[in-house]
Amino acid sequence: MAEELAGQLAERVDVEQWQPARDALAADAGAWVAIGSGFAGVVPDGAAVAVAGEARRSGRRWRVLMRAQAELSGAAGLLVRLRWRGQWLHVLGVEEDPRMPDRVVLRCEGRGP
């Protein structure tokens, strides 16, 4: 039997996606738009060190476990971020396991408020 999911989702997060737009002068007028919210399990994802071929970054990495949502499928290719405890977690990758279709793991990088 699969492990219990509900007990791991103790944090409230809001999901936002970047909607690009241009104004009359062709300047960037895009904005972050809320596309959903839910409960998640948020835990540190190791030290913020560079992986082979990746530039060194100072942001802390997080592993976010959530229930699968249509808005999150393919989120790695889009500009998606989570608002959690007053900070932004930018989604770097999405992991979907076909053996557990009810959940998704987001690999995120924390950025300040």
Protein backbone atom coordinates (compact mmCIF):
# COMPACT_ATOMS: atom_id res chain seq x y z
CA MET A 1 0.00 0.00 0.00
CA ALA A 2 1.27 3.47 -0.83
CA GLU A 3 2.39 5.65 2.04
CA GLU A 4 -0.11 8.10 3.50
CA LEU A 5 -0.07 11.43 1.65
CA ALA A 6 -2.39 13.65 3.69
CA GLY A 7 -0.20 13.61 6.81
CA GLN A 8 2.78 14.94 4.84
CA LEU A 9 0.95 18.01 3.47
CA ALA A 10 1.11 20.44 6.39
CA GLU A 11 2.08 23.71 4.66
CA ARG A 12 -0.16 26.06 2.67
CA VAL A 13 1.26 27.24 -0.68
CA ASP A 14 -0.06 29.45 -3.47
CA VAL A 15 0.86 28.63 -7.07
CA GLU A 16 1.51 31.44 -9.55
CA GLN A 17 2.45 31.47 -13.23
CA TRP A 18 4.08 34.25 -15.26
CA GLN A 19 1.76 35.66 -17.92
CA PRO A 20 3.83 37.59 -20.47
CA ALA A 21 2.30 40.70 -22.01
CA ARG A 22 3.36 43.86 -23.83
CA ASP A 23 1.95 47.36 -23.51
CA ALA A 24 1.34 49.83 -26.37
CA LEU A 25 5.04 50.77 -26.43
CA ALA A 26 6.15 47.11 -26.50
CA ALA A 27 7.47 47.29 -22.95
CA ASP A 28 7.13 44.27 -20.69
CA ALA A 29 3.77 44.43 -18.92
CA GLY A 30 3.65 40.80 -17.77
CA ALA A 31 2.54 39.79 -14.30
CA TRP A 32 2.38 36.83 -11.95
CA VAL A 33 -1.14 35.34 -11.93
CA ALA A 34 -2.49 33.00 -9.26
CA ILE A 35 -3.43 29.64 -10.78
CA GLY A 36 -4.16 27.69 -7.62
CA SER A 37 -3.29 26.87 -4.06
CA GLY A 38 -3.08 23.84 -1.86
CA PHE A 39 -1.27 22.03 0.87
CA ALA A 40 2.27 20.76 0.47
CA GLY A 41 5.12 19.10 2.29
CA VAL A 42 8.15 21.39 2.07
CA VAL A 43 11.58 20.08 3.12
CA PRO A 44 15.16 21.23 2.40
CA ASP A 45 16.67 19.55 -0.66
CA GLY A 46 20.33 19.38 0.25
CA ALA A 47 22.93 22.12 0.20
CA ALA A 48 22.86 24.84 -2.43
CA VAL A 49 25.83 23.57 -4.41
CA ALA A 50 26.32 23.53 -8.16
CA VAL A 51 25.67 20.35 -10.09
CA ALA A 52 27.99 19.44 -12.97
CA GLY A 53 27.56 22.03 -15.71
CA GLU A 54 25.34 24.28 -13.60
CA ALA A 55 26.24 27.78 -12.51
CA ARG A 56 26.77 28.29 -8.79
CA ARG A 57 23.69 29.77 -7.11
CA SER A 58 23.11 31.14 -3.66
CA GLY A 59 19.42 30.25 -3.31
CA ARG A 60 18.43 27.42 -1.01
CA ARG A 61 16.91 24.35 -2.64
CA TRP A 62 13.59 22.85 -1.51
CA ARG A 63 11.69 19.63 -2.25
CA VAL A 64 7.93 20.26 -2.36
CA LEU A 65 5.45 17.38 -2.33
CA MET A 66 1.91 18.19 -3.50
CA ARG A 67 -1.19 16.48 -4.76
CA ALA A 68 -1.13 16.26 -8.55
CA GLN A 69 -2.89 19.19 -10.20
CA ALA A 70 -3.44 19.90 -13.88
CA GLU A 71 -1.74 23.29 -13.41
CA LEU A 72 1.48 21.64 -12.26
CA SER A 73 1.92 19.08 -15.04
CA GLY A 74 4.69 20.38 -17.24
CA ALA A 75 5.38 23.30 -14.89
CA ALA A 76 9.13 22.91 -15.35
CA GLY A 77 8.91 24.34 -18.86
CA LEU A 78 6.90 27.34 -17.65
CA LEU A 79 7.68 30.17 -15.28
CA VAL A 80 5.96 28.91 -12.14
CA ARG A 81 6.56 29.85 -8.53
CA LEU A 82 5.11 29.01 -5.13
CA ARG A 83 4.48 31.45 -2.30
CA TRP A 84 5.32 29.80 1.01
CA ARG A 85 5.84 31.44 4.40
CA GLY A 86 6.48 34.85 2.88
CA GLN A 87 9.05 33.73 0.34
CA TRP A 88 9.02 32.69 -3.30
CA LEU A 89 10.01 29.18 -4.36
CA HIS A 90 10.78 29.10 -8.09
CA VAL A 91 10.09 25.72 -9.68
CA LEU A 92 13.20 24.26 -11.30
CA GLY A 93 11.84 20.80 -12.04
CA VAL A 94 8.78 18.59 -11.74
CA GLU A 95 8.90 14.87 -10.99
CA GLU A 96 5.84 12.72 -11.66
CA ASP A 97 6.00 9.05 -10.70
CA PRO A 98 3.59 6.85 -12.70
CA ARG A 99 3.42 4.46 -9.72
CA MET A 100 1.96 7.29 -7.60
CA PRO A 101 -0.21 9.41 -9.94
CA ASP A 102 -1.86 11.26 -7.04
CA ARG A 103 1.27 13.26 -6.17
CA VAL A 104 3.97 15.40 -7.73
CA VAL A 105 7.39 16.47 -6.44
CA LEU A 106 8.62 19.96 -7.29
CA ARG A 107 12.31 20.85 -7.03
CA CYS A 108 12.46 24.53 -6.13
CA GLU A 109 14.91 27.28 -5.36
CA GLY A 110 14.06 29.76 -2.64
CA ARG A 111 14.23 33.47 -3.26
CA GLY A 112 13.60 36.26 -0.78
CA PRO A 113 10.29 38.05 -0.21
